[in-house]
Amino acid sequence: MRRIAVAAVCFALAACSHIHVPHFSKQPVVGVVEYDTGLTKFSTVTGIYHQDMCAERDSDAQVHLGNSEMGSILKQADKTGFYRVPANLRTDWSDPSDQPAHCAAFRLHIESGALHNDVRWDCGRDGSNTPPAEVAPLVLQIQKILQSKPEVRALPWSSCQVH
């Protein structure tokens, strides 16, 4: 009965789109994942995957993570110590002119119950946009899950220049 009430409240408020309830016999995996690469953004709160197209009109896709996908992300976040990672992993550029022009601003926000963290980073000293070691396994898992979604794969290629 409680699950039905939670689902009804979420439906009525349209505020719990991140909760996936495939069957009332299973407890839903509740959490929030927000991932931003500067060119793409995804939020389980809105269920929107946004892709910046630069010269063309941006593209959006409605994407929902299932219980197993959400559960695997939250498990990986716990396993890798994501909730203890410093919020700022940005590279400290002593001379800002040394920062590559293509250096993206990344953000990963995850909540699970009382646990939450919001981590930001940019390109490393090597100029690559590879995620820092502290968040790399989690970021790669999220990217893999998102790229496996037919809705994301159906989006047109971005015309943004990536170096």
N, C-alpha and C. Protein backbone atom coordinates (compact mmCIF):
# COMPACT_ATOMS: atom_id res chain seq x y z
N MET A 1 0.82 -1.19 0.00
CA MET A 1 0.00 0.00 0.00
C MET A 1 0.87 1.26 0.00
N ARG A 2 1.98 1.23 0.78
CA ARG A 2 2.87 2.40 0.87
C ARG A 2 3.47 2.73 -0.49
N ARG A 3 3.89 1.72 -1.27
CA ARG A 3 4.48 1.96 -2.58
C ARG A 3 3.48 2.62 -3.52
N ILE A 4 2.23 2.21 -3.43
CA ILE A 4 1.19 2.81 -4.27
C ILE A 4 1.02 4.27 -3.90
N ALA A 5 1.03 4.58 -2.60
CA ALA A 5 0.89 5.96 -2.14
C ALA A 5 2.07 6.80 -2.61
N VAL A 6 3.30 6.29 -2.50
CA VAL A 6 4.49 7.02 -2.95
C VAL A 6 4.40 7.28 -4.44
N ALA A 7 4.03 6.26 -5.20
CA ALA A 7 3.91 6.43 -6.65
C ALA A 7 2.84 7.47 -6.98
N ALA A 8 1.72 7.45 -6.26
CA ALA A 8 0.65 8.41 -6.51
C ALA A 8 1.09 9.82 -6.19
N VAL A 9 1.80 10.01 -5.08
CA VAL A 9 2.30 11.33 -4.72
C VAL A 9 3.29 11.81 -5.77
N CYS A 10 4.22 10.95 -6.18
CA CYS A 10 5.20 11.33 -7.19
C CYS A 10 4.51 11.69 -8.51
N PHE A 11 3.51 10.91 -8.89
CA PHE A 11 2.80 11.18 -10.13
C PHE A 11 2.07 12.51 -10.04
N ALA A 12 1.41 12.75 -8.90
CA ALA A 12 0.64 13.97 -8.74
C ALA A 12 1.54 15.20 -8.73
N LEU A 13 2.71 15.10 -8.12
CA LEU A 13 3.60 16.24 -8.04
C LEU A 13 4.53 16.36 -9.24
N ALA A 14 4.64 15.30 -10.02
CA ALA A 14 5.57 15.23 -11.16
C ALA A 14 6.98 15.58 -10.71
N ALA A 15 7.31 15.22 -9.48
CA ALA A 15 8.62 15.57 -8.92
C ALA A 15 9.50 14.36 -8.72
N CYS A 16 9.03 13.21 -9.00
CA CYS A 16 9.80 12.01 -8.72
C CYS A 16 10.04 11.20 -9.99
N SER A 17 10.31 11.88 -11.08
CA SER A 17 10.51 11.17 -12.34
C SER A 17 11.74 10.29 -12.33
N HIS A 18 12.59 10.46 -11.32
CA HIS A 18 13.78 9.65 -11.21
C HIS A 18 13.49 8.30 -10.57
N ILE A 19 12.27 8.10 -10.09
CA ILE A 19 11.90 6.83 -9.47
C ILE A 19 11.25 5.96 -10.52
N HIS A 20 11.79 4.80 -10.70
CA HIS A 20 11.26 3.86 -11.68
C HIS A 20 10.56 2.74 -10.93
N VAL A 21 9.26 2.56 -11.15
CA VAL A 21 8.50 1.53 -10.45
C VAL A 21 7.91 0.57 -11.48
N PRO A 22 8.70 -0.43 -11.91
CA PRO A 22 8.20 -1.33 -12.95
C PRO A 22 7.11 -2.26 -12.44
N HIS A 23 7.22 -2.70 -11.20
CA HIS A 23 6.24 -3.58 -10.60
C HIS A 23 6.07 -3.16 -9.15
N PHE A 24 4.86 -3.26 -8.65
CA PHE A 24 4.65 -2.91 -7.25
C PHE A 24 5.20 -3.97 -6.31
N SER A 25 5.63 -5.11 -6.83
CA SER A 25 6.18 -6.16 -5.99
C SER A 25 7.65 -5.90 -5.65
N LYS A 26 8.30 -4.96 -6.35
CA LYS A 26 9.71 -4.66 -6.10
C LYS A 26 9.84 -3.28 -5.49
N GLN A 27 10.77 -3.14 -4.57
CA GLN A 27 11.08 -1.84 -3.99
C GLN A 27 11.85 -1.03 -5.03
N PRO A 28 11.41 0.18 -5.37
CA PRO A 28 12.14 0.96 -6.37
C PRO A 28 13.49 1.43 -5.81
N VAL A 29 14.47 1.54 -6.68
CA VAL A 29 15.76 2.09 -6.31
C VAL A 29 15.64 3.60 -6.44
N VAL A 30 15.81 4.30 -5.33
CA VAL A 30 15.61 5.74 -5.31
C VAL A 30 16.97 6.43 -5.19
N GLY A 31 17.19 7.37 -6.04
CA GLY A 31 18.41 8.16 -6.02
C GLY A 31 18.34 9.21 -7.10
N VAL A 32 19.35 10.05 -7.13
CA VAL A 32 19.44 11.10 -8.14
C VAL A 32 20.81 11.03 -8.78
N VAL A 33 20.84 11.10 -10.10
CA VAL A 33 22.10 11.18 -10.85
C VAL A 33 21.97 12.35 -11.82
N GLU A 34 22.93 13.27 -11.74
CA GLU A 34 23.01 14.36 -12.69
C GLU A 34 24.44 14.39 -13.22
N TYR A 35 24.57 14.39 -14.54
CA TYR A 35 25.88 14.32 -15.18
C TYR A 35 25.92 15.37 -16.28
N ASP A 36 26.97 16.19 -16.26
CA ASP A 36 27.08 17.30 -17.21
C ASP A 36 28.50 17.33 -17.76
N THR A 37 28.62 17.25 -19.09
CA THR A 37 29.93 17.29 -19.74
C THR A 37 30.18 18.63 -20.44
N GLY A 38 29.27 19.55 -20.29
CA GLY A 38 29.37 20.80 -21.03
C GLY A 38 28.61 20.71 -22.35
N LEU A 39 28.75 19.58 -23.05
CA LEU A 39 28.03 19.37 -24.31
C LEU A 39 26.81 18.49 -24.14
N THR A 40 26.85 17.61 -23.15
CA THR A 40 25.70 16.76 -22.86
C THR A 40 25.36 16.88 -21.39
N LYS A 41 24.08 16.75 -21.10
CA LYS A 41 23.60 16.81 -19.72
C LYS A 41 22.55 15.72 -19.55
N PHE A 42 22.56 15.09 -18.37
CA PHE A 42 21.53 14.11 -18.06
C PHE A 42 21.14 14.25 -16.61
N SER A 43 19.85 14.14 -16.33
CA SER A 43 19.35 14.21 -14.96
C SER A 43 18.23 13.19 -14.79
N THR A 44 18.33 12.38 -13.75
CA THR A 44 17.25 11.45 -13.46
C THR A 44 16.05 12.18 -12.86
N VAL A 45 16.24 13.40 -12.39
CA VAL A 45 15.13 14.17 -11.84
C VAL A 45 14.16 14.56 -12.96
N THR A 46 14.72 15.03 -14.07
CA THR A 46 13.87 15.44 -15.20
C THR A 46 13.67 14.30 -16.20
N GLY A 47 14.59 13.34 -16.20
CA GLY A 47 14.54 12.26 -17.18
C GLY A 47 14.96 12.72 -18.57
N ILE A 48 15.69 13.82 -18.65
CA ILE A 48 16.09 14.40 -19.93
C ILE A 48 17.59 14.20 -20.16
N TYR A 49 17.91 13.72 -21.36
CA TYR A 49 19.29 13.69 -21.85
C TYR A 49 19.36 14.80 -22.88
N HIS A 50 20.20 15.79 -22.64
CA HIS A 50 20.31 16.96 -23.52
C HIS A 50 21.65 16.93 -24.23
N GLN A 51 21.63 17.17 -25.53
CA GLN A 51 22.86 17.19 -26.32
C GLN A 51 22.95 18.53 -27.04
N ASP A 52 24.03 19.26 -26.75
CA ASP A 52 24.29 20.53 -27.41
C ASP A 52 24.72 20.24 -28.84
N MET A 53 24.11 20.90 -29.79
CA MET A 53 24.42 20.66 -31.20
C MET A 53 25.28 21.77 -31.80
N CYS A 54 25.61 22.80 -31.03
CA CYS A 54 26.43 23.94 -31.47
C CYS A 54 25.78 24.72 -32.60
N ALA A 55 26.05 24.41 -33.85
CA ALA A 55 25.54 25.19 -34.98
C ALA A 55 24.08 24.87 -35.29
N GLU A 56 23.59 23.77 -34.80
CA GLU A 56 22.22 23.35 -35.09
C GLU A 56 21.37 23.45 -33.82
N ARG A 57 20.10 23.15 -33.97
CA ARG A 57 19.21 23.12 -32.81
C ARG A 57 19.59 21.96 -31.89
N ASP A 58 19.62 22.21 -30.57
CA ASP A 58 19.97 21.18 -29.61
C ASP A 58 18.97 20.04 -29.65
N SER A 59 19.41 18.87 -29.19
CA SER A 59 18.54 17.69 -29.17
C SER A 59 18.34 17.20 -27.75
N ASP A 60 17.14 16.75 -27.47
CA ASP A 60 16.81 16.17 -26.17
C ASP A 60 16.16 14.82 -26.37
N ALA A 61 16.37 13.95 -25.39
CA ALA A 61 15.71 12.65 -25.40
C ALA A 61 15.21 12.36 -23.98
N GLN A 62 14.04 11.76 -23.90
CA GLN A 62 13.49 11.33 -22.62
C GLN A 62 14.15 9.99 -22.28
N VAL A 63 14.88 9.93 -21.15
CA VAL A 63 15.61 8.73 -20.77
C VAL A 63 15.34 8.42 -19.31
N HIS A 64 14.94 7.21 -19.03
CA HIS A 64 14.73 6.77 -17.64
C HIS A 64 15.62 5.57 -17.36
N LEU A 65 16.22 5.58 -16.19
CA LEU A 65 17.05 4.45 -15.78
C LEU A 65 16.20 3.45 -15.03
N GLY A 66 16.37 2.19 -15.35
CA GLY A 66 15.66 1.13 -14.65
C GLY A 66 16.28 0.87 -13.29
N ASN A 67 15.61 0.04 -12.50
CA ASN A 67 16.11 -0.30 -11.16
C ASN A 67 17.52 -0.86 -11.20
N SER A 68 17.80 -1.77 -12.12
CA SER A 68 19.13 -2.38 -12.15
C SER A 68 20.19 -1.37 -12.55
N GLU A 69 19.87 -0.48 -13.49
CA GLU A 69 20.84 0.54 -13.90
C GLU A 69 21.10 1.53 -12.77
N MET A 70 20.03 2.02 -12.15
CA MET A 70 20.18 2.96 -11.04
C MET A 70 20.91 2.30 -9.87
N GLY A 71 20.53 1.06 -9.59
CA GLY A 71 21.17 0.33 -8.50
C GLY A 71 22.65 0.12 -8.75
N SER A 72 23.03 -0.16 -10.00
CA SER A 72 24.45 -0.38 -10.29
C SER A 72 25.25 0.92 -10.17
N ILE A 73 24.66 2.04 -10.54
CA ILE A 73 25.35 3.33 -10.40
C ILE A 73 25.54 3.67 -8.92
N LEU A 74 24.48 3.52 -8.14
CA LEU A 74 24.58 3.84 -6.71
C LEU A 74 25.54 2.90 -5.99
N LYS A 75 25.56 1.63 -6.40
CA LYS A 75 26.50 0.68 -5.82
C LYS A 75 27.94 1.06 -6.18
N GLN A 76 28.17 1.43 -7.43
CA GLN A 76 29.51 1.85 -7.87
C GLN A 76 29.94 3.13 -7.15
N ALA A 77 29.01 4.06 -6.94
CA ALA A 77 29.33 5.29 -6.22
C ALA A 77 29.80 4.98 -4.80
N ASP A 78 29.11 4.05 -4.16
CA ASP A 78 29.48 3.64 -2.80
C ASP A 78 30.82 2.90 -2.81
N LYS A 79 30.96 1.97 -3.74
CA LYS A 79 32.17 1.14 -3.83
C LYS A 79 33.42 1.97 -4.09
N THR A 80 33.32 2.99 -4.94
CA THR A 80 34.48 3.79 -5.30
C THR A 80 34.72 4.97 -4.35
N GLY A 81 33.87 5.12 -3.34
CA GLY A 81 34.05 6.21 -2.37
C GLY A 81 33.67 7.57 -2.91
N PHE A 82 32.75 7.60 -3.88
CA PHE A 82 32.35 8.86 -4.50
C PHE A 82 31.88 9.90 -3.48
N TYR A 83 31.20 9.47 -2.44
CA TYR A 83 30.63 10.42 -1.48
C TYR A 83 31.70 11.11 -0.63
N ARG A 84 32.95 10.63 -0.72
CA ARG A 84 34.07 11.24 0.00
C ARG A 84 35.03 11.99 -0.92
N VAL A 85 34.76 12.01 -2.20
CA VAL A 85 35.63 12.70 -3.16
C VAL A 85 35.46 14.22 -2.96
N PRO A 86 36.57 14.97 -2.98
CA PRO A 86 36.45 16.43 -2.85
C PRO A 86 35.55 17.00 -3.95
N ALA A 87 34.82 18.04 -3.62
CA ALA A 87 33.88 18.65 -4.56
C ALA A 87 34.59 19.30 -5.75
N ASN A 88 35.80 19.77 -5.56
CA ASN A 88 36.51 20.47 -6.61
C ASN A 88 37.74 19.68 -7.03
N LEU A 89 37.67 19.07 -8.21
CA LEU A 89 38.82 18.36 -8.78
C LEU A 89 39.38 19.13 -9.97
N ARG A 90 39.04 20.41 -10.05
CA ARG A 90 39.50 21.23 -11.18
C ARG A 90 41.01 21.39 -11.14
N THR A 91 41.59 21.52 -12.30
CA THR A 91 43.03 21.74 -12.41
C THR A 91 43.34 23.18 -12.03
N ASP A 92 44.35 23.37 -11.19
CA ASP A 92 44.76 24.71 -10.79
C ASP A 92 45.79 25.19 -11.79
N TRP A 93 45.38 26.11 -12.66
CA TRP A 93 46.26 26.64 -13.70
C TRP A 93 46.95 27.88 -13.15
N SER A 94 48.26 27.80 -12.92
CA SER A 94 48.99 28.97 -12.41
C SER A 94 48.94 30.12 -13.43
N ASP A 95 48.93 29.77 -14.69
CA ASP A 95 48.77 30.76 -15.76
C ASP A 95 47.53 30.35 -16.55
N PRO A 96 46.41 31.07 -16.36
CA PRO A 96 45.16 30.69 -17.05
C PRO A 96 45.29 30.58 -18.57
N SER A 97 46.24 31.26 -19.17
CA SER A 97 46.39 31.17 -20.62
C SER A 97 46.92 29.79 -21.04
N ASP A 98 47.44 29.01 -20.08
CA ASP A 98 47.90 27.65 -20.37
C ASP A 98 46.75 26.66 -20.52
N GLN A 99 45.56 27.03 -20.02
CA GLN A 99 44.41 26.13 -20.08
C GLN A 99 43.96 25.99 -21.54
N PRO A 100 43.85 24.74 -22.04
CA PRO A 100 43.41 24.54 -23.43
C PRO A 100 42.01 25.11 -23.67
N ALA A 101 41.81 25.63 -24.86
CA ALA A 101 40.51 26.24 -25.22
C ALA A 101 39.38 25.22 -25.15
N HIS A 102 39.68 23.96 -25.43
CA HIS A 102 38.64 22.93 -25.45
C HIS A 102 38.40 22.30 -24.08
N CYS A 103 38.97 22.87 -23.04
CA CYS A 103 38.85 22.32 -21.68
C CYS A 103 37.41 22.42 -21.19
N ALA A 104 36.74 21.31 -21.08
CA ALA A 104 35.33 21.28 -20.69
C ALA A 104 35.15 21.36 -19.18
N ALA A 105 34.00 21.81 -18.76
CA ALA A 105 33.63 21.85 -17.34
C ALA A 105 32.67 20.70 -17.09
N PHE A 106 33.06 19.76 -16.22
CA PHE A 106 32.26 18.58 -15.93
C PHE A 106 31.66 18.68 -14.54
N ARG A 107 30.53 17.99 -14.37
CA ARG A 107 29.87 17.93 -13.07
C ARG A 107 29.20 16.58 -12.93
N LEU A 108 29.33 15.98 -11.75
CA LEU A 108 28.62 14.75 -11.41
C LEU A 108 28.02 14.91 -10.03
N HIS A 109 26.71 14.77 -9.95
CA HIS A 109 25.98 14.89 -8.69
C HIS A 109 25.22 13.58 -8.47
N ILE A 110 25.41 12.97 -7.30
CA ILE A 110 24.69 11.74 -6.98
C ILE A 110 24.16 11.84 -5.56
N GLU A 111 22.91 11.42 -5.41
CA GLU A 111 22.27 11.33 -4.09
C GLU A 111 21.70 9.94 -3.92
N SER A 112 21.87 9.41 -2.72
CA SER A 112 21.27 8.12 -2.36
C SER A 112 20.99 8.15 -0.87
N GLY A 113 19.73 8.36 -0.53
CA GLY A 113 19.38 8.49 0.88
C GLY A 113 20.06 9.71 1.47
N ALA A 114 20.76 9.51 2.59
CA ALA A 114 21.47 10.62 3.24
C ALA A 114 22.81 10.91 2.58
N LEU A 115 23.26 10.04 1.68
CA LEU A 115 24.55 10.23 1.01
C LEU A 115 24.38 11.10 -0.23
N HIS A 116 25.27 12.04 -0.42
CA HIS A 116 25.24 12.88 -1.62
C HIS A 116 26.59 13.54 -1.82
N ASN A 117 26.89 13.85 -3.07
CA ASN A 117 28.10 14.59 -3.39
C ASN A 117 27.92 15.25 -4.75
N ASP A 118 28.56 16.36 -4.93
CA ASP A 118 28.54 17.12 -6.16
C ASP A 118 30.00 17.42 -6.49
N VAL A 119 30.53 16.81 -7.55
CA VAL A 119 31.94 16.92 -7.89
C VAL A 119 32.08 17.59 -9.25
N ARG A 120 33.03 18.52 -9.34
CA ARG A 120 33.29 19.24 -10.58
C ARG A 120 34.76 19.07 -10.95
N TRP A 121 35.02 18.97 -12.27
CA TRP A 121 36.39 18.88 -12.76
C TRP A 121 36.46 19.44 -14.17
N ASP A 122 37.67 19.60 -14.65
CA ASP A 122 37.89 20.07 -16.02
C ASP A 122 38.98 19.20 -16.63
N CYS A 123 39.54 19.65 -17.75
CA CYS A 123 40.59 18.85 -18.36
C CYS A 123 41.82 18.84 -17.44
N GLY A 124 42.60 17.82 -17.54
CA GLY A 124 43.79 17.71 -16.72
C GLY A 124 44.96 18.46 -17.33
N ARG A 125 46.08 18.40 -16.66
CA ARG A 125 47.30 19.07 -17.13
C ARG A 125 47.71 18.57 -18.53
N ASP A 126 47.32 17.34 -18.85
CA ASP A 126 47.67 16.80 -20.17
C ASP A 126 46.76 17.34 -21.27
N GLY A 127 45.76 18.15 -20.89
CA GLY A 127 44.85 18.74 -21.86
C GLY A 127 43.70 17.84 -22.28
N SER A 128 43.68 16.61 -21.76
CA SER A 128 42.59 15.69 -22.14
C SER A 128 41.39 15.92 -21.22
N ASN A 129 40.23 15.54 -21.71
CA ASN A 129 39.01 15.63 -20.91
C ASN A 129 38.68 14.29 -20.26
N THR A 130 39.70 13.48 -20.01
CA THR A 130 39.53 12.21 -19.32
C THR A 130 39.17 12.48 -17.87
N PRO A 131 38.18 11.80 -17.32
CA PRO A 131 37.81 12.05 -15.92
C PRO A 131 38.95 11.72 -14.96
N PRO A 132 39.06 12.46 -13.86
CA PRO A 132 40.08 12.15 -12.86
C PRO A 132 39.87 10.75 -12.29
N ALA A 133 40.95 10.15 -11.81
CA ALA A 133 40.90 8.78 -11.29
C ALA A 133 39.85 8.60 -10.20
N GLU A 134 39.61 9.64 -9.40
CA GLU A 134 38.65 9.55 -8.30
C GLU A 134 37.23 9.27 -8.77
N VAL A 135 36.89 9.69 -9.99
CA VAL A 135 35.52 9.52 -10.48
C VAL A 135 35.44 8.72 -11.78
N ALA A 136 36.60 8.36 -12.35
CA ALA A 136 36.63 7.71 -13.67
C ALA A 136 35.78 6.45 -13.78
N PRO A 137 35.89 5.47 -12.85
CA PRO A 137 35.07 4.26 -13.01
C PRO A 137 33.57 4.54 -13.01
N LEU A 138 33.16 5.47 -12.17
CA LEU A 138 31.74 5.83 -12.07
C LEU A 138 31.28 6.56 -13.33
N VAL A 139 32.07 7.50 -13.80
CA VAL A 139 31.73 8.25 -15.02
C VAL A 139 31.64 7.31 -16.21
N LEU A 140 32.60 6.42 -16.35
CA LEU A 140 32.58 5.48 -17.47
C LEU A 140 31.34 4.58 -17.42
N GLN A 141 30.94 4.17 -16.22
CA GLN A 141 29.74 3.35 -16.09
C GLN A 141 28.49 4.14 -16.50
N ILE A 142 28.39 5.37 -16.06
CA ILE A 142 27.24 6.21 -16.41
C ILE A 142 27.20 6.44 -17.92
N GLN A 143 28.36 6.75 -18.51
CA GLN A 143 28.42 6.95 -19.96
C GLN A 143 27.99 5.69 -20.71
N LYS A 144 28.45 4.54 -20.25
CA LYS A 144 28.10 3.27 -20.90
C LYS A 144 26.59 3.03 -20.83
N ILE A 145 26.00 3.27 -19.66
CA ILE A 145 24.55 3.08 -19.51
C ILE A 145 23.79 4.04 -20.42
N LEU A 146 24.18 5.31 -20.44
CA LEU A 146 23.49 6.29 -21.28
C LEU A 146 23.63 5.96 -22.76
N GLN A 147 24.84 5.56 -23.18
CA GLN A 147 25.06 5.24 -24.59
C GLN A 147 24.35 3.95 -25.01
N SER A 148 23.95 3.14 -24.04
CA SER A 148 23.22 1.91 -24.37
C SER A 148 21.73 2.18 -24.62
N LYS A 149 21.28 3.37 -24.27
CA LYS A 149 19.86 3.71 -24.41
C LYS A 149 19.53 4.01 -25.88
N PRO A 150 18.53 3.35 -26.45
CA PRO A 150 18.15 3.61 -27.84
C PRO A 150 17.79 5.08 -28.08
N GLU A 151 17.19 5.73 -27.08
CA GLU A 151 16.80 7.14 -27.23
C GLU A 151 18.03 8.04 -27.41
N VAL A 152 19.11 7.70 -26.72
CA VAL A 152 20.35 8.49 -26.84
C VAL A 152 21.04 8.18 -28.17
N ARG A 153 21.09 6.91 -28.51
CA ARG A 153 21.74 6.52 -29.78
C ARG A 153 21.00 7.09 -30.99
N ALA A 154 19.71 7.36 -30.86
CA ALA A 154 18.91 7.88 -31.98
C ALA A 154 19.13 9.37 -32.22
N LEU A 155 19.76 10.06 -31.27
CA LEU A 155 19.99 11.49 -31.45
C LEU A 155 20.99 11.72 -32.60
N PRO A 156 20.82 12.83 -33.32
CA PRO A 156 21.77 13.11 -34.40
C PRO A 156 23.16 13.44 -33.83
N TRP A 157 24.18 13.28 -34.66
CA TRP A 157 25.55 13.61 -34.25
C TRP A 157 25.64 15.10 -34.01
N SER A 158 26.36 15.48 -32.98
CA SER A 158 26.57 16.89 -32.68
C SER A 158 27.57 17.49 -33.67
N SER A 159 27.35 18.75 -34.03
CA SER A 159 28.30 19.44 -34.91
C SER A 159 29.34 20.22 -34.11
N CYS A 160 29.36 20.02 -32.78
CA CYS A 160 30.34 20.69 -31.94
C CYS A 160 31.74 20.18 -32.23
N GLN A 161 32.70 21.08 -32.25
CA GLN A 161 34.10 20.71 -32.47
C GLN A 161 34.68 20.19 -31.17
N VAL A 162 35.19 18.98 -31.18
CA VAL A 162 35.82 18.40 -30.01
C VAL A 162 37.26 18.13 -30.39
N HIS A 163 38.17 18.56 -29.55
CA HIS A 163 39.60 18.41 -29.84
C HIS A 163 40.19 17.25 -29.06
